[in-house]
Amino acid sequence: MKSAIEAPKRDNTDYHNAIAEVRRAFAEADAALGPEMLVSTKRKWKRNGNYVVKVTFKTRASGD
């Protein structure tokens, strides 16, 4: 228990900034495209170790 308390804390600043950026993007897309927007995501591990998430916002076509 003591080792868990004394362990160095992980810096999550970049994670929190990325999540905030995604939330802003959703809000902007909702304002621009309206509530009928479609959202798709693609996720991929890159060879260099990066994990990439691509979010695409589209307007819903009348037949969808």
Protein backbone atom coordinates (compact mmCIF):
# COMPACT_ATOMS: atom_id res chain seq x y z
CA MET A 1 0.00 0.00 0.00
CA LYS A 2 2.80 2.39 0.91
CA SER A 3 4.55 1.83 -2.43
CA ALA A 4 1.37 2.78 -4.30
CA ILE A 5 1.11 6.00 -2.34
CA GLU A 6 4.77 6.90 -2.86
CA ALA A 7 4.85 6.00 -6.58
CA PRO A 8 5.28 8.97 -8.92
CA LYS A 9 2.06 10.23 -10.44
CA ARG A 10 1.59 10.09 -14.20
CA ASP A 11 1.24 13.42 -16.01
CA ASN A 12 -2.10 13.30 -17.85
CA THR A 13 -1.94 16.87 -19.17
CA ASP A 14 -1.64 15.86 -22.85
CA TYR A 15 -4.48 13.35 -22.47
CA HIS A 16 -6.78 15.95 -20.91
CA ASN A 17 -5.89 18.52 -23.59
CA ALA A 18 -6.67 16.00 -26.35
CA ILE A 19 -10.03 15.09 -24.80
CA ALA A 20 -10.91 18.79 -24.47
CA GLU A 21 -10.00 19.32 -28.14
CA VAL A 22 -12.27 16.44 -29.20
CA ARG A 23 -15.14 17.84 -27.12
CA ARG A 24 -14.70 21.25 -28.78
CA ALA A 25 -14.68 19.58 -32.21
CA PHE A 26 -17.95 17.78 -31.42
CA ALA A 27 -19.55 21.02 -30.24
CA GLU A 28 -18.39 22.90 -33.36
CA ALA A 29 -19.60 20.11 -35.67
CA ASP A 30 -22.96 19.99 -33.92
CA ALA A 31 -23.35 23.76 -34.33
CA ALA A 32 -22.32 23.65 -38.00
CA LEU A 33 -24.03 20.43 -39.12
CA GLY A 34 -26.95 20.19 -36.72
CA PRO A 35 -28.08 17.30 -34.56
CA GLU A 36 -28.57 15.02 -37.58
CA MET A 37 -24.83 14.63 -38.19
CA LEU A 38 -23.12 11.28 -38.63
CA VAL A 39 -19.89 10.56 -36.80
CA SER A 40 -17.42 7.84 -37.74
CA THR A 41 -14.09 6.96 -36.20
CA LYS A 42 -11.01 5.09 -37.32
CA ARG A 43 -8.34 3.92 -34.89
CA LYS A 44 -4.91 2.61 -35.71
CA TRP A 45 -1.64 1.75 -34.01
CA LYS A 46 1.20 3.20 -36.07
CA ARG A 47 4.57 1.45 -36.44
CA ASN A 48 6.24 4.25 -34.48
CA GLY A 49 4.04 3.44 -31.46
CA ASN A 50 1.55 6.28 -31.91
CA TYR A 51 -2.14 5.52 -31.57
CA VAL A 52 -4.15 7.60 -34.06
CA VAL A 53 -7.88 8.28 -33.80
CA LYS A 54 -9.56 9.94 -36.77
CA VAL A 55 -13.04 11.37 -36.27
CA THR A 56 -15.14 12.32 -39.31
CA PHE A 57 -18.30 14.42 -39.07
CA LYS A 58 -20.76 14.34 -41.99
CA THR A 59 -24.23 15.62 -42.63
CA ARG A 60 -26.86 12.94 -42.83
CA ALA A 61 -28.17 12.51 -46.38
CA SER A 62 -31.94 12.51 -46.72
CA GLY A 63 -31.99 8.76 -47.50
CA ASP A 64 -29.82 7.67 -44.54
